[in-house]
PDB file of N, CA and C in Angstrom:
ATOM      1  N   MET A   1      15.721 166.988 114.145  1.00  0.00           N
ATOM      2  CA  MET A   1      16.441 167.685 115.810  1.00  0.00           C
ATOM      3  C   MET A   1      15.179 167.971 116.277  1.00  0.00           C
ATOM      4  N   GLU A   2      14.027 167.691 115.843  1.00  0.00           N
ATOM      5  CA  GLU A   2      12.511 167.919 116.734  1.00  0.00           C
ATOM      6  C   GLU A   2      12.708 166.477 118.267  1.00  0.00           C
ATOM      7  N   TYR A   3      12.632 165.123 117.054  1.00  0.00           N
ATOM      8  CA  TYR A   3      12.760 164.467 117.896  1.00  0.00           C
ATOM      9  C   TYR A   3      14.178 164.259 118.535  1.00  0.00           C
ATOM     10  N   SER A   4      14.924 164.941 118.979  1.00  0.00           N
ATOM     11  CA  SER A   4      15.882 164.246 119.623  1.00  0.00           C
ATOM     12  C   SER A   4      15.231 164.872 121.251  1.00  0.00           C
ATOM     13  N   LEU A   5      14.938 166.282 120.487  1.00  0.00           N
ATOM     14  CA  LEU A   5      15.017 167.364 122.001  1.00  0.00           C
ATOM     15  C   LEU A   5      13.334 166.575 123.017  1.00  0.00           C
ATOM     16  N   VAL A   6      13.139 165.850 122.427  1.00  0.00           N
ATOM     17  CA  VAL A   6      11.605 165.227 122.831  1.00  0.00           C
ATOM     18  C   VAL A   6      12.475 164.178 123.567  1.00  0.00           C
ATOM     19  N   GLY A   7      13.224 163.498 122.732  1.00  0.00           N
ATOM     20  CA  GLY A   7      14.410 162.757 123.559  1.00  0.00           C
ATOM     21  C   GLY A   7      15.157 163.007 124.671  1.00  0.00           C
ATOM     22  N   GLU A   8      15.881 163.646 124.345  1.00  0.00           N
ATOM     23  CA  GLU A   8      16.461 164.202 125.563  1.00  0.00           C
ATOM     24  C   GLU A   8      15.545 165.257 127.191  1.00  0.00           C
ATOM     25  N   SER A   9      14.679 165.619 126.772  1.00  0.00           N
ATOM     26  CA  SER A   9      13.510 165.698 127.382  1.00  0.00           C
ATOM     27  C   SER A   9      13.192 164.516 128.507  1.00  0.00           C
ATOM     28  N   LEU A  10      12.124 163.330 127.236  1.00  0.00           N
ATOM     29  CA  LEU A  10      12.084 162.428 128.543  1.00  0.00           C
ATOM     30  C   LEU A  10      13.619 161.767 129.428  1.00  0.00           C
ATOM     31  N   LYS A  11      14.969 161.482 128.738  1.00  0.00           N
ATOM     32  CA  LYS A  11      15.333 160.926 129.429  1.00  0.00           C
ATOM     33  C   LYS A  11      15.582 162.248 130.741  1.00  0.00           C
ATOM     34  N   PHE A  12      15.556 163.547 130.632  1.00  0.00           N
ATOM     35  CA  PHE A  12      15.738 164.660 131.332  1.00  0.00           C
ATOM     36  C   PHE A  12      14.423 164.003 132.846  1.00  0.00           C
ATOM     37  N   MET A  13      13.054 163.989 132.076  1.00  0.00           N
ATOM     38  CA  MET A  13      12.531 163.888 132.973  1.00  0.00           C
ATOM     39  C   MET A  13      12.931 162.064 134.642  1.00  0.00           C
ATOM     40  N   VAL A  14      12.840 160.977 133.397  1.00  0.00           N
ATOM     41  CA  VAL A  14      13.280 160.069 133.773  1.00  0.00           C
ATOM     42  C   VAL A  14      13.951 160.650 135.100  1.00  0.00           C
ATOM     43  N   LEU A  15      15.214 160.524 134.907  1.00  0.00           N
ATOM     44  CA  LEU A  15      16.138 160.755 135.815  1.00  0.00           C
ATOM     45  C   LEU A  15      15.794 161.693 136.676  1.00  0.00           C
ATOM     46  N   GLY A  16      15.043 162.985 136.564  1.00  0.00           N
ATOM     47  CA  GLY A  16      15.130 163.612 137.663  1.00  0.00           C
ATOM     48  C   GLY A  16      14.363 162.700 138.797  1.00  0.00           C
ATOM     49  N   MET A  17      12.758 161.589 137.476  1.00  0.00           N
ATOM     50  CA  MET A  17      12.004 160.924 138.981  1.00  0.00           C
ATOM     51  C   MET A  17      12.841 159.890 139.442  1.00  0.00           C
ATOM     52  N   LEU A  18      13.720 159.576 138.799  1.00  0.00           N
ATOM     53  CA  LEU A  18      14.884 158.629 139.143  1.00  0.00           C
ATOM     54  C   LEU A  18      15.129 159.001 141.113  1.00  0.00           C
ATOM     55  N   ILE A  19      15.704 160.248 140.613  1.00  0.00           N
ATOM     56  CA  ILE A  19      16.811 160.872 141.694  1.00  0.00           C
ATOM     57  C   ILE A  19      15.896 161.091 142.897  1.00  0.00           C
ATOM     58  N   VAL A  20      14.170 161.480 142.849  1.00  0.00           N
ATOM     59  CA  VAL A  20      14.203 161.622 143.553  1.00  0.00           C
ATOM     60  C   VAL A  20      12.958 160.187 144.135  1.00  0.00           C
ATOM     61  N   PHE A  21      12.991 160.181 143.693  1.00  0.00           N
ATOM     62  CA  PHE A  21      12.480 158.239 144.721  1.00  0.00           C
ATOM     63  C   PHE A  21      13.119 157.704 144.681  1.00  0.00           C
ATOM     64  N   VAL A  22      14.699 157.659 144.500  1.00  0.00           N
ATOM     65  CA  VAL A  22      16.087 157.441 145.519  1.00  0.00           C
ATOM     66  C   VAL A  22      15.371 157.836 146.732  1.00  0.00           C
ATOM     67  N   PHE A  23      15.594 159.318 146.718  1.00  0.00           N
ATOM     68  CA  PHE A  23      16.079 160.290 147.718  1.00  0.00           C
ATOM     69  C   PHE A  23      14.930 159.828 148.610  1.00  0.00           C
ATOM     70  N   LEU A  24      13.756 159.719 148.316  1.00  0.00           N
ATOM     71  CA  LEU A  24      12.756 159.422 149.868  1.00  0.00           C
ATOM     72  C   LEU A  24      13.021 157.979 149.905  1.00  0.00           C
ATOM     73  N   ALA A  25      13.087 157.242 148.940  1.00  0.00           N
ATOM     74  CA  ALA A  25      13.443 155.398 149.655  1.00  0.00           C
ATOM     75  C   ALA A  25      14.141 155.790 150.820  1.00  0.00           C
ATOM     76  N   VAL A  26      15.823 156.279 150.589  1.00  0.00           N
ATOM     77  CA  VAL A  26      16.389 156.752 151.036  1.00  0.00           C
ATOM     78  C   VAL A  26      16.272 156.861 152.463  1.00  0.00           C
ATOM     79  N   LEU A  27      15.348 158.220 152.491  1.00  0.00           N
ATOM     80  CA  LEU A  27      14.957 159.248 153.279  1.00  0.00           C
ATOM     81  C   LEU A  27      13.814 158.445 154.017  1.00  0.00           C
ATOM     82  N   VAL A  28      13.457 157.890 153.545  1.00  0.00           N
ATOM     83  CA  VAL A  28      12.417 156.250 154.531  1.00  0.00           C
ATOM     84  C   VAL A  28      13.086 155.812 155.393  1.00  0.00           C
ATOM     85  N   GLN A  29      13.847 154.804 155.145  1.00  0.00           N
ATOM     86  CA  GLN A  29      15.340 153.929 155.449  1.00  0.00           C
ATOM     87  C   GLN A  29      15.637 154.471 156.258  1.00  0.00           C
ATOM     88  N   VAL A  30      15.962 156.153 156.659  1.00  0.00           N
ATOM     89  CA  VAL A  30      16.455 156.859 157.907  1.00  0.00           C
ATOM     90  C   VAL A  30      15.729 157.081 158.440  1.00  0.00           C
ATOM     91  N   MET A  31      14.582 157.136 158.186  1.00  0.00           N
ATOM     92  CA  MET A  31      13.524 157.727 159.204  1.00  0.00           C
ATOM     93  C   MET A  31      13.380 156.393 160.373  1.00  0.00           C
ATOM     94  N   LYS A  32      12.856 155.621 159.525  1.00  0.00           N
ATOM     95  CA  LYS A  32      12.897 154.017 159.961  1.00  0.00           C
ATOM     96  C   LYS A  32      13.789 153.724 161.206  1.00  0.00           C
ATOM     97  N   LEU A  33      15.327 154.320 160.693  1.00  0.00           N
ATOM     98  CA  LEU A  33      16.611 153.386 161.535  1.00  0.00           C
ATOM     99  C   LEU A  33      16.802 154.803 162.649  1.00  0.00           C
ATOM    100  N   GLN A  34      16.120 156.106 162.848  1.00  0.00           N
ATOM    101  CA  GLN A  34      16.125 157.026 163.335  1.00  0.00           C
ATOM    102  C   GLN A  34      15.037 155.936 164.593  1.00  0.00           C
ATOM    103  N   ALA A  35      13.853 155.756 163.801  1.00  0.00           N
ATOM    104  CA  ALA A  35      13.220 155.618 164.868  1.00  0.00           C
ATOM    105  C   ALA A  35      13.625 154.559 166.610  1.00  0.00           C
ATOM    106  N   LYS A  36      14.241 153.469 165.193  1.00  0.00           N
ATOM    107  CA  LYS A  36      14.867 152.101 166.352  1.00  0.00           C
ATOM    108  C   LYS A  36      15.930 152.672 167.328  1.00  0.00           C
ATOM    109  N   ILE A  37      16.973 153.790 166.600  1.00  0.00           N
ATOM    110  CA  ILE A  37      18.178 154.216 167.315  1.00  0.00           C
ATOM    111  C   ILE A  37      16.949 154.950 168.660  1.00  0.00           C
ATOM    112  N   ILE A  38      16.023 155.882 168.921  1.00  0.00           N
ATOM    113  CA  ILE A  38      15.209 156.643 169.691  1.00  0.00           C
ATOM    114  C   ILE A  38      14.189 155.507 170.137  1.00  0.00           C
ATOM    115  N   GLY A  39      13.744 154.430 169.847  1.00  0.00           N
ATOM    116  CA  GLY A  39      13.091 153.627 170.491  1.00  0.00           C
ATOM    117  C   GLY A  39      14.166 153.057 171.477  1.00  0.00           C
ATOM    118  N   LYS A  40      15.052 152.378 171.303  1.00  0.00           N
ATOM    119  CA  LYS A  40      15.514 151.852 171.920  1.00  0.00           C
ATOM    120  C   LYS A  40      16.701 152.391 172.787  1.00  0.00           C
ATOM    121  N   TYR A  41      17.232 153.351 173.133  1.00  0.00           N
ATOM    122  CA  TYR A  41      17.313 154.550 174.208  1.00  0.00           C
ATOM    123  C   TYR A  41      15.977 155.686 174.810  1.00  0.00           C
ATOM    124  N   PHE A  42      15.141 155.880 174.762  1.00  0.00           N
ATOM    125  CA  PHE A  42      14.405 156.582 174.875  1.00  0.00           C
ATOM    126  C   PHE A  42      13.296 155.662 175.087  1.00  0.00           C
ATOM    127  N   LYS A  43      12.627 154.760 176.616  1.00  0.00           N
ATOM    128  CA  LYS A  43      11.659 154.028 176.150  1.00  0.00           C
ATOM    129  C   LYS A  43      10.450 155.439 176.372  1.00  0.00           C
ATOM    130  N   GLU A  44       9.937 154.288 175.334  1.00  0.00           N
ATOM    131  CA  GLU A  44       8.532 155.533 175.975  1.00  0.00           C
ATOM    132  C   GLU A  44       7.589 155.296 176.988  1.00  0.00           C
ATOM    133  N   GLU A  45       7.040 155.370 178.351  1.00  0.00           N
ATOM    134  CA  GLU A  45       7.159 154.884 179.503  1.00  0.00           C
ATOM    135  C   GLU A  45       4.849 155.251 179.374  1.00  0.00           C
ATOM    136  N   ALA A  46       4.589 153.811 180.586  1.00  0.00           N
ATOM    137  CA  ALA A  46       3.080 153.928 180.248  1.00  0.00           C
ATOM    138  C   ALA A  46       2.427 154.948 180.585  1.00  0.00           C
ATOM    139  N   PRO A  47       1.262 155.293 179.957  1.00  0.00           N
ATOM    140  CA  PRO A  47       0.236 156.567 180.481  1.00  0.00           C
ATOM    141  C   PRO A  47      -0.645 156.192 181.979  1.00  0.00           C
ATOM    142  N   ALA A  48      -0.281 157.022 183.342  1.00  0.00           N
ATOM    143  CA  ALA A  48      -0.736 156.369 184.297  1.00  0.00           C
ATOM    144  C   ALA A  48      -2.411 156.275 183.811  1.00  0.00           C
ATOM    145  N   ALA A  49      -3.009 155.904 184.745  1.00  0.00           N
ATOM    146  CA  ALA A  49      -4.014 154.899 184.998  1.00  0.00           C
ATOM    147  C   ALA A  49      -5.314 156.694 185.275  1.00  0.00           C
ATOM    148  N   ALA A  50      -6.490 156.094 184.656  1.00  0.00           N
ATOM    149  CA  ALA A  50      -6.776 157.527 185.043  1.00  0.00           C
ATOM    150  C   ALA A  50      -7.377 157.756 186.428  1.00  0.00           C
ATOM    151  N   LYS A  51      -7.163 158.455 187.141  1.00  0.00           N
ATOM    152  CA  LYS A  51      -7.959 158.715 188.805  1.00  0.00           C
ATOM    153  C   LYS A  51      -9.686 158.760 188.697  1.00  0.00           C
ATOM    154  N   PRO A  52      -9.574 157.969 189.091  1.00  0.00           N
ATOM    155  CA  PRO A  52     -11.871 158.218 189.304  1.00  0.00           C
ATOM    156  C   PRO A  52     -12.469 159.349 188.823  1.00  0.00           C
ATOM    157  N   SER A  53     -13.477 159.854 189.176  1.00  0.00           N
ATOM    158  CA  SER A  53     -13.828 161.257 189.129  1.00  0.00           C
ATOM    159  C   SER A  53     -14.227 160.646 190.852  1.00  0.00           C
ATOM    160  N   THR A  54     -14.223 162.183 191.167  1.00  0.00           N
ATOM    161  CA  THR A  54     -14.573 162.337 192.607  1.00  0.00           C
ATOM    162  C   THR A  54     -15.925 163.457 193.380  1.00  0.00           C
ATOM    163  N   GLN A  55     -16.228 163.381 193.838  1.00  0.00           N
ATOM    164  CA  GLN A  55     -16.907 165.064 194.891  1.00  0.00           C
ATOM    165  C   GLN A  55     -16.002 165.987 193.993  1.00  0.00           C
ATOM    166  N   ASN A  56     -14.489 165.960 194.302  1.00  0.00           N
ATOM    167  CA  ASN A  56     -14.017 167.332 194.384  1.00  0.00           C
ATOM    168  C   ASN A  56     -13.801 167.696 192.375  1.00  0.00           C
ATOM    169  N   ASP A  57     -13.942 166.721 192.213  1.00  0.00           N
ATOM    170  CA  ASP A  57     -14.226 167.020 190.747  1.00  0.00           C
ATOM    171  C   ASP A  57     -15.396 167.822 190.425  1.00  0.00           C
ATOM    172  N   SER A  58     -16.436 168.007 190.841  1.00  0.00           N
ATOM    173  CA  SER A  58     -17.425 168.802 190.983  1.00  0.00           C
ATOM    174  C   SER A  58     -17.390 170.060 191.729  1.00  0.00           C
ATOM    175  N   GLU A  59     -16.347 169.833 192.443  1.00  0.00           N
ATOM    176  CA  GLU A  59     -16.679 171.599 193.595  1.00  0.00           C
ATOM    177  C   GLU A  59     -15.878 172.007 192.791  1.00  0.00           C
ATOM    178  N   GLU A  60     -14.557 171.546 191.930  1.00  0.00           N
ATOM    179  CA  GLU A  60     -14.092 172.679 191.382  1.00  0.00           C
ATOM    180  C   GLU A  60     -14.788 172.982 190.221  1.00  0.00           C
ATOM    181  N   GLU A  61     -15.921 172.011 189.433  1.00  0.00           N
ATOM    182  CA  GLU A  61     -16.110 172.451 188.196  1.00  0.00           C
ATOM    183  C   GLU A  61     -17.199 173.794 188.617  1.00  0.00           C
ATOM    184  N   SER A  62     -17.582 173.823 190.111  1.00  0.00           N
ATOM    185  CA  SER A  62     -18.873 174.838 190.470  1.00  0.00           C
ATOM    186  C   SER A  62     -17.694 175.934 190.631  1.00  0.00           C
ATOM    187  N   ARG A  63     -16.572 176.036 191.303  1.00  0.00           N
ATOM    188  CA  ARG A  63     -15.528 176.946 192.018  1.00  0.00           C
ATOM    189  C   ARG A  63     -15.250 177.603 190.242  1.00  0.00           C
ATOM    190  N   ARG A  64     -15.331 176.696 189.089  1.00  0.00           N
ATOM    191  CA  ARG A  64     -14.305 177.934 188.472  1.00  0.00           C
ATOM    192  C   ARG A  64     -16.229 178.299 186.828  1.00  0.00           C
ATOM    193  N   VAL A  65     -17.025 177.903 187.005  1.00  0.00           N
ATOM    194  CA  VAL A  65     -18.425 178.329 186.817  1.00  0.00           C
ATOM    195  C   VAL A  65     -18.881 179.702 187.556  1.00  0.00           C
ATOM    196  N   ALA A  66     -18.607 179.308 188.852  1.00  0.00           N
ATOM    197  CA  ALA A  66     -18.619 180.660 189.924  1.00  0.00           C
ATOM    198  C   ALA A  66     -17.438 182.187 189.101  1.00  0.00           C
ATOM    199  N   ALA A  67     -15.941 181.416 189.357  1.00  0.00           N
ATOM    200  CA  ALA A  67     -15.697 182.763 189.319  1.00  0.00           C
ATOM    201  C   ALA A  67     -15.085 183.024 187.782  1.00  0.00           C
ATOM    202  N   ILE A  68     -16.289 182.527 186.634  1.00  0.00           N
ATOM    203  CA  ILE A  68     -16.431 182.383 185.342  1.00  0.00           C
ATOM    204  C   ILE A  68     -17.648 184.388 185.482  1.00  0.00           C
ATOM    205  N   ILE A  69     -18.324 183.661 185.902  1.00  0.00           N
ATOM    206  CA  ILE A  69     -20.110 184.390 185.770  1.00  0.00           C
ATOM    207  C   ILE A  69     -19.766 186.031 186.605  1.00  0.00           C
ATOM    208  N   ALA A  70     -18.913 185.470 187.938  1.00  0.00           N
ATOM    209  CA  ALA A  70     -18.432 186.676 188.479  1.00  0.00           C
ATOM    210  C   ALA A  70     -17.553 187.687 187.817  1.00  0.00           C
ATOM    211  N   ALA A  71     -16.536 187.089 186.566  1.00  0.00           N
ATOM    212  CA  ALA A  71     -15.933 188.339 185.813  1.00  0.00           C
ATOM    213  C   ALA A  71     -16.511 188.468 184.634  1.00  0.00           C
ATOM    214  N   VAL A  72     -16.624 188.511 184.616  1.00  0.00           N
ATOM    215  CA  VAL A  72     -18.865 188.319 183.529  1.00  0.00           C
ATOM    216  C   VAL A  72     -19.533 189.507 183.762  1.00  0.00           C
ATOM    217  N   THR A  73     -19.916 189.045 184.615  1.00  0.00           N
ATOM    218  CA  THR A  73     -20.484 190.376 185.903  1.00  0.00           C
ATOM    219  C   THR A  73     -19.459 191.332 186.661  1.00  0.00           C
ATOM    220  N   ASP A  74     -18.591 191.375 186.643  1.00  0.00           N
ATOM    221  CA  ASP A  74     -18.122 192.593 186.748  1.00  0.00           C
ATOM    222  C   ASP A  74     -17.665 193.112 185.298  1.00  0.00           C
ATOM    223  N   PHE A  75     -17.129 192.325 184.425  1.00  0.00           N
ATOM    224  CA  PHE A  75     -16.471 193.548 183.265  1.00  0.00           C
ATOM    225  C   PHE A  75     -17.969 193.609 182.378  1.00  0.00           C
ATOM    226  N   ARG A  76     -19.277 193.555 182.812  1.00  0.00           N
ATOM    227  CA  ARG A  76     -19.809 194.029 182.257  1.00  0.00           C
ATOM    228  C   ARG A  76     -20.426 195.431 183.371  1.00  0.00           C
ATOM    229  N   ASN A  77     -20.218 194.901 184.121  1.00  0.00           N
ATOM    230  CA  ASN A  77     -20.449 196.393 185.291  1.00  0.00           C
ATOM    231  C   ASN A  77     -19.483 197.590 185.081  1.00  0.00           C
ATOM    232  N   ASN A  78     -18.592 196.988 184.359  1.00  0.00           N
ATOM    233  CA  ASN A  78     -17.577 198.243 184.311  1.00  0.00           C
ATOM    234  C   ASN A  78     -17.126 198.559 183.398  1.00  0.00           C
ATOM    235  N   LYS A  79     -18.376 198.238 181.904  1.00  0.00           N
ATOM    236  CA  LYS A  79     -17.793 198.092 181.040  1.00  0.00           C
ATOM    237  C   LYS A  79     -18.572 199.723 181.218  1.00  0.00           C
ATOM    238  N   SER A  80     -20.190 200.581 181.245  1.00  0.00           N
ATOM    239  CA  SER A  80     -20.777 200.909 180.860  1.00  0.00           C
ATOM    240  C   SER A  80     -20.504 202.734 182.074  1.00  0.00           C
TER     241      SER A  80
END
């Protein structure tokens, strides 16, 4: 009797593993199909080229730093 219980449990284990494997294989195929369909109808545009660094970038960075310093100074002065 004990042998048949072990055999039955092994059958159920293999059956469960096969069901999971088949489900995952089908899921992978469906995802590949979905990627092809989306790629066909929604083309990905090439990213725009990065603009060269100019003097305006450094001026903007200086303004940001000044604003941060002013905010921290104001916060420290109003704290007490």
